[in-house]
Amino acid sequence: MCSVLSAILYYRDTTMYKVAVLPLLIICSCQGFFQHPSKSTTSQHTSMSMMSESKSDGEGSSNLLVSSFHQISRTSDPEAKLRLILASQSPRRTEILEMMGLAGRFTASPSPLDEEMLQIELSQQEITPMDYARTLAERKAHAYGVDALDIKDNVALIIGSDTIVDLDGRILEKPTNEEVAHSMLSSLSGNWHQVHTGVAVYAVGASKSSNDPQLMFSFTDTARVKFSSLTDRDINAYIATKEPMDKAGSYGIQGIGGQLVERIEGDFFTVMGLPMHRLSKELTEVIRNLDLD
């Protein structure tokens, strides 16, 4: 390296520089001779490592439900090994599952849980809004699982979910009347709030020793939502559409109520009622570990 630099300095003003040294510089430059060796090596190793990880991920087991559709039986299959059940009458959650590509691979019906009694019970406890949503989801799925104990020769995965609006720690459920809806929307106007969706999946038939419902997983996913400043006329007009009356917090982001939302941080589907990405990953993990033979 030193001899090369000496030659450059000695011959830089001569004809030999153009004839001999300049070609040498071009060759060395093309081969990366003057690059810092440690930096070049690190960059190359990082690139190879990233390629290796990418290849490994691509050839490994599936991480998302889109790769596991074939393992979930169609509802019309009389010899189904794995059934998927949504313990909810929410059209929004049904729509999200269908958007995930699960149309024809799940059934939906309401949980037999007395939700109103459970809400009263939980309201008397010191419980965070996140735990509140997760507990409701767990109890909905479990109650359905108890009713489904007659499942034979297959496994049923039961999805329970609940969505609540959290305004500074105050839980906003579905409005009981238009006056309550107006009050909720007025309090949300111009402010940030959180939307918590609890999700739980129980399995029936997954254990050879017991047919009791088994909790596979549960979680709460949270998104932050910023409302626009609403006029009284806006609020009354929205309530007149009747859309707020069956929605937590008195609005639906996927419908007319989307006009009220100025900004969102987090998963849109969490606000809609079922966090698509997180559910996809968690269900895939469960299905991967089930013994369906």
C-alpha atoms as a PDB file:
ATOM      1  CA  MET A   1       0.000   0.000   0.000  1.00  0.00           C
ATOM      2  CA  CYS A   2       2.831   2.416   0.954  1.00  0.00           C
ATOM      3  CA  SER A   3       4.815   1.651  -2.227  1.00  0.00           C
ATOM      4  CA  VAL A   4       1.769   2.390  -4.346  1.00  0.00           C
ATOM      5  CA  LEU A   5       1.247   5.755  -2.656  1.00  0.00           C
ATOM      6  CA  SER A   6       4.951   6.630  -3.079  1.00  0.00           C
ATOM      7  CA  ALA A   7       4.754   5.903  -6.777  1.00  0.00           C
ATOM      8  CA  ILE A   8       1.718   8.117  -7.108  1.00  0.00           C
ATOM      9  CA  LEU A   9       3.455  11.043  -5.389  1.00  0.00           C
ATOM     10  CA  TYR A  10       6.708  10.623  -7.356  1.00  0.00           C
ATOM     11  CA  TYR A  11       5.238  10.259 -10.818  1.00  0.00           C
ATOM     12  CA  ARG A  12       2.185  12.498 -10.547  1.00  0.00           C
ATOM     13  CA  ASP A  13       3.689  15.242 -12.794  1.00  0.00           C
ATOM     14  CA  THR A  14       5.327  12.958 -15.359  1.00  0.00           C
ATOM     15  CA  THR A  15       4.315  11.117 -18.487  1.00  0.00           C
ATOM     16  CA  MET A  16       4.705   7.823 -16.630  1.00  0.00           C
ATOM     17  CA  TYR A  17       1.827   8.861 -14.333  1.00  0.00           C
ATOM     18  CA  LYS A  18      -0.553   8.726 -17.272  1.00  0.00           C
ATOM     19  CA  VAL A  19       0.989   5.596 -18.762  1.00  0.00           C
ATOM     20  CA  ALA A  20       1.644   3.418 -15.695  1.00  0.00           C
ATOM     21  CA  VAL A  21       0.279   4.852 -12.441  1.00  0.00           C
ATOM     22  CA  LEU A  22      -3.151   6.018 -13.603  1.00  0.00           C
ATOM     23  CA  PRO A  23      -4.138   2.544 -14.910  1.00  0.00           C
ATOM     24  CA  LEU A  24      -2.929   1.101 -11.593  1.00  0.00           C
ATOM     25  CA  LEU A  25      -5.207   3.493  -9.675  1.00  0.00           C
ATOM     26  CA  ILE A  26      -8.187   2.531 -11.815  1.00  0.00           C
ATOM     27  CA  ILE A  27      -7.574  -1.180 -11.244  1.00  0.00           C
ATOM     28  CA  CYS A  28      -7.141  -0.745  -7.476  1.00  0.00           C
ATOM     29  CA  SER A  29     -10.272   1.400  -7.271  1.00  0.00           C
ATOM     30  CA  CYS A  30     -12.395  -1.157  -9.123  1.00  0.00           C
ATOM     31  CA  GLN A  31     -11.174  -3.928  -6.803  1.00  0.00           C
ATOM     32  CA  GLY A  32     -11.946  -1.876  -3.678  1.00  0.00           C
ATOM     33  CA  PHE A  33      -8.242  -1.699  -2.730  1.00  0.00           C
ATOM     34  CA  PHE A  34      -8.525   1.716  -1.079  1.00  0.00           C
ATOM     35  CA  GLN A  35     -11.722   1.007   0.821  1.00  0.00           C
ATOM     36  CA  HIS A  36     -11.558   0.649   4.590  1.00  0.00           C
ATOM     37  CA  PRO A  37     -11.355  -3.155   4.982  1.00  0.00           C
ATOM     38  CA  SER A  38     -13.323  -3.461   8.218  1.00  0.00           C
ATOM     39  CA  LYS A  39     -16.193  -1.302   6.931  1.00  0.00           C
ATOM     40  CA  SER A  40     -16.412  -3.220   3.677  1.00  0.00           C
ATOM     41  CA  THR A  41     -16.377  -6.598   5.467  1.00  0.00           C
ATOM     42  CA  THR A  42     -19.023  -5.551   7.959  1.00  0.00           C
ATOM     43  CA  SER A  43     -21.296  -4.308   5.208  1.00  0.00           C
ATOM     44  CA  GLN A  44     -20.920  -7.516   3.262  1.00  0.00           C
ATOM     45  CA  HIS A  45     -21.558  -9.706   6.309  1.00  0.00           C
ATOM     46  CA  THR A  46     -24.640  -7.672   7.200  1.00  0.00           C
ATOM     47  CA  SER A  47     -25.966  -8.050   3.695  1.00  0.00           C
ATOM     48  CA  MET A  48     -25.291 -11.807   3.670  1.00  0.00           C
ATOM     49  CA  SER A  49     -26.842 -12.144   7.116  1.00  0.00           C
ATOM     50  CA  MET A  50     -29.963 -10.300   5.990  1.00  0.00           C
ATOM     51  CA  MET A  51     -30.194 -12.492   2.892  1.00  0.00           C
ATOM     52  CA  SER A  52     -29.735 -15.600   5.033  1.00  0.00           C
ATOM     53  CA  GLU A  53     -32.429 -14.488   7.503  1.00  0.00           C
ATOM     54  CA  SER A  54     -34.779 -13.584   4.666  1.00  0.00           C
ATOM     55  CA  LYS A  55     -34.210 -16.954   3.013  1.00  0.00           C
ATOM     56  CA  SER A  56     -34.691 -18.763   6.303  1.00  0.00           C
ATOM     57  CA  ASP A  57     -37.929 -16.891   7.018  1.00  0.00           C
ATOM     58  CA  GLY A  58     -39.215 -17.551   3.519  1.00  0.00           C
ATOM     59  CA  GLU A  59     -38.533 -21.278   3.678  1.00  0.00           C
ATOM     60  CA  GLY A  60     -39.585 -21.765   7.296  1.00  0.00           C
ATOM     61  CA  SER A  61     -42.995 -22.440   8.797  1.00  0.00           C
ATOM     62  CA  SER A  62     -45.836 -20.023   8.174  1.00  0.00           C
ATOM     63  CA  ASN A  63     -46.291 -16.981  10.393  1.00  0.00           C
ATOM     64  CA  LEU A  64     -49.629 -15.766   9.066  1.00  0.00           C
ATOM     65  CA  LEU A  65     -52.989 -17.401   8.552  1.00  0.00           C
ATOM     66  CA  VAL A  66     -52.863 -16.894   4.796  1.00  0.00           C
ATOM     67  CA  SER A  67     -50.440 -19.852   4.761  1.00  0.00           C
ATOM     68  CA  SER A  68     -52.688 -22.054   6.927  1.00  0.00           C
ATOM     69  CA  PHE A  69     -56.095 -21.805   5.223  1.00  0.00           C
ATOM     70  CA  HIS A  70     -55.896 -25.421   4.093  1.00  0.00           C
ATOM     71  CA  GLN A  71     -55.827 -26.616   7.723  1.00  0.00           C
ATOM     72  CA  ILE A  72     -59.116 -24.919   8.611  1.00  0.00           C
ATOM     73  CA  SER A  73     -62.012 -27.041   7.431  1.00  0.00           C
ATOM     74  CA  ARG A  74     -64.807 -25.664   5.337  1.00  0.00           C
ATOM     75  CA  THR A  75     -68.104 -25.475   7.173  1.00  0.00           C
ATOM     76  CA  SER A  76     -69.637 -27.832   4.595  1.00  0.00           C
ATOM     77  CA  ASP A  77     -67.059 -30.569   5.253  1.00  0.00           C
ATOM     78  CA  PRO A  78     -68.716 -33.425   7.212  1.00  0.00           C
ATOM     79  CA  GLU A  79     -65.298 -34.881   8.114  1.00  0.00           C
ATOM     80  CA  ALA A  80     -63.813 -31.614   9.334  1.00  0.00           C
ATOM     81  CA  LYS A  81     -60.813 -31.888  11.645  1.00  0.00           C
ATOM     82  CA  LEU A  82     -60.586 -28.218  12.594  1.00  0.00           C
ATOM     83  CA  ARG A  83     -63.557 -25.896  12.896  1.00  0.00           C
ATOM     84  CA  LEU A  84     -63.427 -22.165  13.489  1.00  0.00           C
ATOM     85  CA  ILE A  85     -66.237 -20.457  15.400  1.00  0.00           C
ATOM     86  CA  LEU A  86     -66.767 -16.748  15.997  1.00  0.00           C
ATOM     87  CA  ALA A  87     -68.680 -16.322  19.244  1.00  0.00           C
ATOM     88  CA  SER A  88     -70.189 -13.010  18.198  1.00  0.00           C
ATOM     89  CA  GLN A  89     -73.153 -11.590  16.343  1.00  0.00           C
ATOM     90  CA  SER A  90     -71.156  -8.548  15.245  1.00  0.00           C
ATOM     91  CA  PRO A  91     -71.369  -8.095  11.471  1.00  0.00           C
ATOM     92  CA  ARG A  92     -68.119  -6.132  11.623  1.00  0.00           C
ATOM     93  CA  ARG A  93     -66.146  -9.046  13.080  1.00  0.00           C
ATOM     94  CA  THR A  94     -67.695 -11.400  10.550  1.00  0.00           C
ATOM     95  CA  GLU A  95     -66.661  -8.981   7.818  1.00  0.00           C
ATOM     96  CA  ILE A  96     -63.069  -8.859   9.090  1.00  0.00           C
ATOM     97  CA  LEU A  97     -62.762 -12.665   9.124  1.00  0.00           C
ATOM     98  CA  GLU A  98     -64.139 -12.783   5.593  1.00  0.00           C
ATOM     99  CA  MET A  99     -61.658 -10.101   4.543  1.00  0.00           C
ATOM    100  CA  MET A 100     -58.928 -12.371   5.921  1.00  0.00           C
ATOM    101  CA  GLY A 101     -59.986 -15.012   3.397  1.00  0.00           C
ATOM    102  CA  LEU A 102     -61.932 -17.175   5.845  1.00  0.00           C
ATOM    103  CA  ALA A 103     -65.322 -16.993   4.142  1.00  0.00           C
ATOM    104  CA  GLY A 104     -66.869 -20.464   4.220  1.00  0.00           C
ATOM    105  CA  ARG A 105     -64.381 -21.613   6.850  1.00  0.00           C
ATOM    106  CA  PHE A 106     -66.068 -20.325  10.016  1.00  0.00           C
ATOM    107  CA  THR A 107     -69.480 -20.042  11.598  1.00  0.00           C
ATOM    108  CA  ALA A 108     -70.695 -17.100  13.671  1.00  0.00           C
ATOM    109  CA  SER A 109     -73.240 -17.080  16.457  1.00  0.00           C
ATOM    110  CA  PRO A 110     -73.588 -15.120  19.699  1.00  0.00           C
ATOM    111  CA  SER A 111     -72.085 -16.334  22.935  1.00  0.00           C
ATOM    112  CA  PRO A 112     -74.594 -17.491  25.567  1.00  0.00           C
ATOM    113  CA  LEU A 113     -72.780 -15.331  28.137  1.00  0.00           C
ATOM    114  CA  ASP A 114     -74.922 -12.874  30.104  1.00  0.00           C
ATOM    115  CA  GLU A 115     -72.763  -9.950  29.075  1.00  0.00           C
ATOM    116  CA  GLU A 116     -74.753  -7.348  30.985  1.00  0.00           C
ATOM    117  CA  MET A 117     -74.333  -9.203  34.271  1.00  0.00           C
ATOM    118  CA  LEU A 118     -70.597  -9.578  33.674  1.00  0.00           C
ATOM    119  CA  GLN A 119     -70.262  -5.867  32.913  1.00  0.00           C
ATOM    120  CA  ILE A 120     -71.954  -5.050  36.212  1.00  0.00           C
ATOM    121  CA  GLU A 121     -69.636  -7.485  38.008  1.00  0.00           C
ATOM    122  CA  LEU A 122     -66.511  -5.999  36.414  1.00  0.00           C
ATOM    123  CA  SER A 123     -67.634  -2.423  37.072  1.00  0.00           C
ATOM    124  CA  GLN A 124     -67.479  -3.192  40.790  1.00  0.00           C
ATOM    125  CA  GLN A 125     -63.838  -4.281  40.564  1.00  0.00           C
ATOM    126  CA  GLU A 126     -60.610  -2.346  40.214  1.00  0.00           C
ATOM    127  CA  ILE A 127     -59.759  -3.298  36.668  1.00  0.00           C
ATOM    128  CA  THR A 128     -58.014  -1.476  33.826  1.00  0.00           C
ATOM    129  CA  PRO A 129     -59.884  -0.886  30.558  1.00  0.00           C
ATOM    130  CA  MET A 130     -57.426  -3.212  28.789  1.00  0.00           C
ATOM    131  CA  ASP A 131     -58.071  -6.054  31.246  1.00  0.00           C
ATOM    132  CA  TYR A 132     -61.781  -5.322  31.084  1.00  0.00           C
ATOM    133  CA  ALA A 133     -61.863  -5.893  27.307  1.00  0.00           C
ATOM    134  CA  ARG A 134     -59.713  -9.038  27.530  1.00  0.00           C
ATOM    135  CA  THR A 135     -61.815 -10.520  30.357  1.00  0.00           C
ATOM    136  CA  LEU A 136     -65.025 -10.016  28.395  1.00  0.00           C
ATOM    137  CA  ALA A 137     -63.462 -11.692  25.360  1.00  0.00           C
ATOM    138  CA  GLU A 138     -62.307 -14.669  27.437  1.00  0.00           C
ATOM    139  CA  ARG A 139     -65.653 -15.154  29.130  1.00  0.00           C
ATOM    140  CA  LYS A 140     -67.559 -14.943  25.826  1.00  0.00           C
ATOM    141  CA  ALA A 141     -65.411 -17.607  24.192  1.00  0.00           C
ATOM    142  CA  HIS A 142     -65.418 -19.846  27.281  1.00  0.00           C
ATOM    143  CA  ALA A 143     -69.204 -19.705  27.653  1.00  0.00           C
ATOM    144  CA  TYR A 144     -69.567 -20.739  24.014  1.00  0.00           C
ATOM    145  CA  GLY A 145     -67.018 -23.509  24.523  1.00  0.00           C
ATOM    146  CA  VAL A 146     -68.998 -24.991  27.415  1.00  0.00           C
ATOM    147  CA  ASP A 147     -72.062 -25.129  25.163  1.00  0.00           C
ATOM    148  CA  ALA A 148     -69.992 -26.792  22.434  1.00  0.00           C
ATOM    149  CA  LEU A 149     -68.709 -29.679  24.558  1.00  0.00           C
ATOM    150  CA  ASP A 150     -70.538 -32.245  22.431  1.00  0.00           C
ATOM    151  CA  ILE A 151     -67.979 -31.738  19.648  1.00  0.00           C
ATOM    152  CA  LYS A 152     -66.661 -35.159  18.644  1.00  0.00           C
ATOM    153  CA  ASP A 153     -63.751 -36.286  16.480  1.00  0.00           C
ATOM    154  CA  ASN A 154     -62.531 -32.779  15.690  1.00  0.00           C
ATOM    155  CA  VAL A 155     -61.165 -29.612  17.215  1.00  0.00           C
ATOM    156  CA  ALA A 156     -63.078 -26.352  17.451  1.00  0.00           C
ATOM    157  CA  LEU A 157     -61.333 -23.013  17.919  1.00  0.00           C
ATOM    158  CA  ILE A 158     -63.706 -20.446  19.406  1.00  0.00           C
ATOM    159  CA  ILE A 159     -62.960 -16.742  19.010  1.00  0.00           C
ATOM    160  CA  GLY A 160     -64.336 -14.302  21.567  1.00  0.00           C
ATOM    161  CA  SER A 161     -63.842 -10.556  21.278  1.00  0.00           C
ATOM    162  CA  ASP A 162     -64.928  -7.305  22.861  1.00  0.00           C
ATOM    163  CA  THR A 163     -64.218  -3.692  21.944  1.00  0.00           C
ATOM    164  CA  ILE A 164     -64.439  -0.707  24.258  1.00  0.00           C
ATOM    165  CA  VAL A 165     -63.638   2.988  24.014  1.00  0.00           C
ATOM    166  CA  ASP A 166     -61.449   4.405  26.753  1.00  0.00           C
ATOM    167  CA  LEU A 167     -61.593   8.153  27.369  1.00  0.00           C
ATOM    168  CA  ASP A 168     -59.041   9.034  30.043  1.00  0.00           C
ATOM    169  CA  GLY A 169     -59.709   5.777  31.880  1.00  0.00           C
ATOM    170  CA  ARG A 170     -63.486   5.990  31.552  1.00  0.00           C
ATOM    171  CA  ILE A 171     -65.001   3.073  29.644  1.00  0.00           C
ATOM    172  CA  LEU A 172     -67.543   3.968  26.973  1.00  0.00           C
ATOM    173  CA  GLU A 173     -69.699   0.982  26.014  1.00  0.00           C
ATOM    174  CA  LYS A 174     -72.614   0.977  23.577  1.00  0.00           C
ATOM    175  CA  PRO A 175     -75.080   3.822  24.241  1.00  0.00           C
ATOM    176  CA  THR A 176     -78.386   2.862  25.836  1.00  0.00           C
ATOM    177  CA  ASN A 177     -80.252   5.713  24.129  1.00  0.00           C
ATOM    178  CA  GLU A 178     -79.711   8.750  21.894  1.00  0.00           C
ATOM    179  CA  GLU A 179     -79.110  11.068  24.846  1.00  0.00           C
ATOM    180  CA  VAL A 180     -76.241   8.878  26.038  1.00  0.00           C
ATOM    181  CA  ALA A 181     -74.884   8.717  22.489  1.00  0.00           C
ATOM    182  CA  HIS A 182     -74.923  12.514  22.283  1.00  0.00           C
ATOM    183  CA  SER A 183     -73.078  12.780  25.602  1.00  0.00           C
ATOM    184  CA  MET A 184     -70.411  10.290  24.486  1.00  0.00           C
ATOM    185  CA  LEU A 185     -69.803  11.981  21.140  1.00  0.00           C
ATOM    186  CA  SER A 186     -69.625  15.390  22.792  1.00  0.00           C
ATOM    187  CA  SER A 187     -66.976  14.142  25.217  1.00  0.00           C
ATOM    188  CA  LEU A 188     -64.941  12.570  22.388  1.00  0.00           C
ATOM    189  CA  SER A 189     -65.154  15.704  20.211  1.00  0.00           C
ATOM    190  CA  GLY A 190     -61.721  17.233  19.591  1.00  0.00           C
ATOM    191  CA  ASN A 191     -59.971  14.756  21.888  1.00  0.00           C
ATOM    192  CA  TRP A 192     -57.737  11.712  21.730  1.00  0.00           C
ATOM    193  CA  HIS A 193     -59.064   8.445  23.107  1.00  0.00           C
ATOM    194  CA  GLN A 194     -58.057   4.797  23.113  1.00  0.00           C
ATOM    195  CA  VAL A 195     -59.874   1.827  21.626  1.00  0.00           C
ATOM    196  CA  HIS A 196     -59.164  -1.541  23.237  1.00  0.00           C
ATOM    197  CA  THR A 197     -60.168  -4.788  21.549  1.00  0.00           C
ATOM    198  CA  GLY A 198     -59.798  -7.912  23.653  1.00  0.00           C
ATOM    199  CA  VAL A 199     -59.433 -11.240  21.858  1.00  0.00           C
ATOM    200  CA  ALA A 200     -59.481 -14.765  23.268  1.00  0.00           C
ATOM    201  CA  VAL A 201     -59.428 -18.168  21.629  1.00  0.00           C
ATOM    202  CA  TYR A 202     -60.499 -21.345  23.388  1.00  0.00           C
ATOM    203  CA  ALA A 203     -60.160 -24.844  21.985  1.00  0.00           C
ATOM    204  CA  VAL A 204     -62.583 -27.707  22.472  1.00  0.00           C
ATOM    205  CA  GLY A 205     -61.376 -31.199  21.569  1.00  0.00           C
ATOM    206  CA  ALA A 206     -57.687 -30.292  21.537  1.00  0.00           C
ATOM    207  CA  SER A 207     -56.893 -32.373  24.627  1.00  0.00           C
ATOM    208  CA  LYS A 208     -57.157 -36.147  24.669  1.00  0.00           C
ATOM    209  CA  SER A 209     -57.628 -36.193  28.441  1.00  0.00           C
ATOM    210  CA  SER A 210     -60.352 -33.544  28.731  1.00  0.00           C
ATOM    211  CA  ASN A 211     -63.040 -31.989  26.578  1.00  0.00           C
ATOM    212  CA  ASP A 212     -63.228 -28.839  28.674  1.00  0.00           C
ATOM    213  CA  PRO A 213     -62.547 -25.563  26.855  1.00  0.00           C
ATOM    214  CA  GLN A 214     -58.844 -24.726  26.930  1.00  0.00           C
ATOM    215  CA  LEU A 215     -57.568 -21.168  26.682  1.00  0.00           C
ATOM    216  CA  MET A 216     -55.145 -21.032  23.751  1.00  0.00           C
ATOM    217  CA  PHE A 217     -54.371 -17.319  24.000  1.00  0.00           C
ATOM    218  CA  SER A 218     -55.846 -13.967  24.917  1.00  0.00           C
ATOM    219  CA  PHE A 219     -54.666 -10.397  24.470  1.00  0.00           C
ATOM    220  CA  THR A 220     -55.791  -6.799  24.184  1.00  0.00           C
ATOM    221  CA  ASP A 221     -54.776  -4.662  21.234  1.00  0.00           C
ATOM    222  CA  THR A 222     -54.981  -0.881  21.564  1.00  0.00           C
ATOM    223  CA  ALA A 223     -55.217   1.957  19.057  1.00  0.00           C
ATOM    224  CA  ARG A 224     -55.320   5.709  19.666  1.00  0.00           C
ATOM    225  CA  VAL A 225     -57.941   7.781  17.882  1.00  0.00           C
ATOM    226  CA  LYS A 226     -58.215  11.563  17.498  1.00  0.00           C
ATOM    227  CA  PHE A 227     -61.683  12.994  16.916  1.00  0.00           C
ATOM    228  CA  SER A 228     -62.330  16.148  14.963  1.00  0.00           C
ATOM    229  CA  SER A 229     -64.076  18.978  16.778  1.00  0.00           C
ATOM    230  CA  LEU A 230     -67.767  18.295  16.230  1.00  0.00           C
ATOM    231  CA  THR A 231     -70.568  20.818  16.154  1.00  0.00           C
ATOM    232  CA  ASP A 232     -73.865  20.017  17.840  1.00  0.00           C
ATOM    233  CA  ARG A 233     -75.417  19.820  14.393  1.00  0.00           C
ATOM    234  CA  ASP A 234     -72.835  17.223  13.311  1.00  0.00           C
ATOM    235  CA  ILE A 235     -73.550  15.107  16.381  1.00  0.00           C
ATOM    236  CA  ASN A 236     -77.314  15.229  15.977  1.00  0.00           C
ATOM    237  CA  ALA A 237     -77.091  14.421  12.282  1.00  0.00           C
ATOM    238  CA  TYR A 238     -74.863  11.421  12.976  1.00  0.00           C
ATOM    239  CA  ILE A 239     -77.162  10.113  15.697  1.00  0.00           C
ATOM    240  CA  ALA A 240     -80.092  10.463  13.277  1.00  0.00           C
ATOM    241  CA  THR A 241     -78.411   7.865  11.022  1.00  0.00           C
ATOM    242  CA  LYS A 242     -78.853   5.321  13.874  1.00  0.00           C
ATOM    243  CA  GLU A 243     -75.312   4.067  13.279  1.00  0.00           C
ATOM    244  CA  PRO A 244     -74.030   4.981  16.772  1.00  0.00           C
ATOM    245  CA  MET A 245     -76.600   2.946  18.645  1.00  0.00           C
ATOM    246  CA  ASP A 246     -74.846  -0.443  18.516  1.00  0.00           C
ATOM    247  CA  LYS A 247     -71.259   0.812  18.650  1.00  0.00           C
ATOM    248  CA  ALA A 248     -68.881   1.148  21.591  1.00  0.00           C
ATOM    249  CA  GLY A 249     -68.268   4.854  22.136  1.00  0.00           C
ATOM    250  CA  SER A 250     -71.237   5.637  19.854  1.00  0.00           C
ATOM    251  CA  TYR A 251     -69.354   5.561  16.560  1.00  0.00           C
ATOM    252  CA  GLY A 252     -68.215   3.164  13.852  1.00  0.00           C
ATOM    253  CA  ILE A 253     -64.966   4.017  12.097  1.00  0.00           C
ATOM    254  CA  GLN A 254     -65.757   1.754   9.137  1.00  0.00           C
ATOM    255  CA  GLY A 255     -68.994   3.598   8.351  1.00  0.00           C
ATOM    256  CA  ILE A 256     -70.371   7.120   8.449  1.00  0.00           C
ATOM    257  CA  GLY A 257     -68.547   7.625  11.727  1.00  0.00           C
ATOM    258  CA  GLY A 258     -65.237   7.502   9.898  1.00  0.00           C
ATOM    259  CA  GLN A 259     -65.870  11.158   9.047  1.00  0.00           C
ATOM    260  CA  LEU A 260     -65.521  12.038  12.728  1.00  0.00           C
ATOM    261  CA  VAL A 261     -61.995  10.610  12.950  1.00  0.00           C
ATOM    262  CA  GLU A 262     -59.141  12.974  12.254  1.00  0.00           C
ATOM    263  CA  ARG A 263     -56.237  10.621  12.966  1.00  0.00           C
ATOM    264  CA  ILE A 264     -55.473   7.098  14.147  1.00  0.00           C
ATOM    265  CA  GLU A 265     -52.367   5.489  15.646  1.00  0.00           C
ATOM    266  CA  GLY A 266     -52.431   1.697  15.566  1.00  0.00           C
ATOM    267  CA  ASP A 267     -54.382  -1.012  13.784  1.00  0.00           C
ATOM    268  CA  PHE A 268     -57.499   0.236  11.992  1.00  0.00           C
ATOM    269  CA  PHE A 269     -59.097  -3.198  12.462  1.00  0.00           C
ATOM    270  CA  THR A 270     -58.640  -2.943  16.226  1.00  0.00           C
ATOM    271  CA  VAL A 271     -60.948   0.071  16.150  1.00  0.00           C
ATOM    272  CA  MET A 272     -63.323  -1.761  13.815  1.00  0.00           C
ATOM    273  CA  GLY A 273     -63.580  -4.695  16.212  1.00  0.00           C
ATOM    274  CA  LEU A 274     -60.940  -7.389  15.551  1.00  0.00           C
ATOM    275  CA  PRO A 275     -57.172  -6.778  15.145  1.00  0.00           C
ATOM    276  CA  MET A 276     -56.517  -8.638  11.902  1.00  0.00           C
ATOM    277  CA  HIS A 277     -52.730  -8.914  11.945  1.00  0.00           C
ATOM    278  CA  ARG A 278     -52.341  -9.952  15.580  1.00  0.00           C
ATOM    279  CA  LEU A 279     -55.169 -12.482  15.325  1.00  0.00           C
ATOM    280  CA  SER A 280     -53.630 -13.937  12.156  1.00  0.00           C
ATOM    281  CA  LYS A 281     -50.271 -14.501  13.877  1.00  0.00           C
ATOM    282  CA  GLU A 282     -51.725 -15.937  17.094  1.00  0.00           C
ATOM    283  CA  LEU A 283     -54.117 -18.313  15.306  1.00  0.00           C
ATOM    284  CA  THR A 284     -51.331 -19.557  13.071  1.00  0.00           C
ATOM    285  CA  GLU A 285     -49.196 -20.408  16.103  1.00  0.00           C
ATOM    286  CA  VAL A 286     -52.078 -22.350  17.672  1.00  0.00           C
ATOM    287  CA  ILE A 287     -52.861 -24.277  14.491  1.00  0.00           C
ATOM    288  CA  ARG A 288     -49.185 -25.139  14.034  1.00  0.00           C
ATOM    289  CA  ASN A 289     -49.092 -26.770  17.476  1.00  0.00           C
ATOM    290  CA  LEU A 290     -52.370 -28.687  17.259  1.00  0.00           C
ATOM    291  CA  ASP A 291     -52.319 -32.454  16.771  1.00  0.00           C
ATOM    292  CA  LEU A 292     -54.892 -32.881  14.009  1.00  0.00           C
ATOM    293  CA  ASP A 293     -53.939 -36.443  13.020  1.00  0.00           C
END
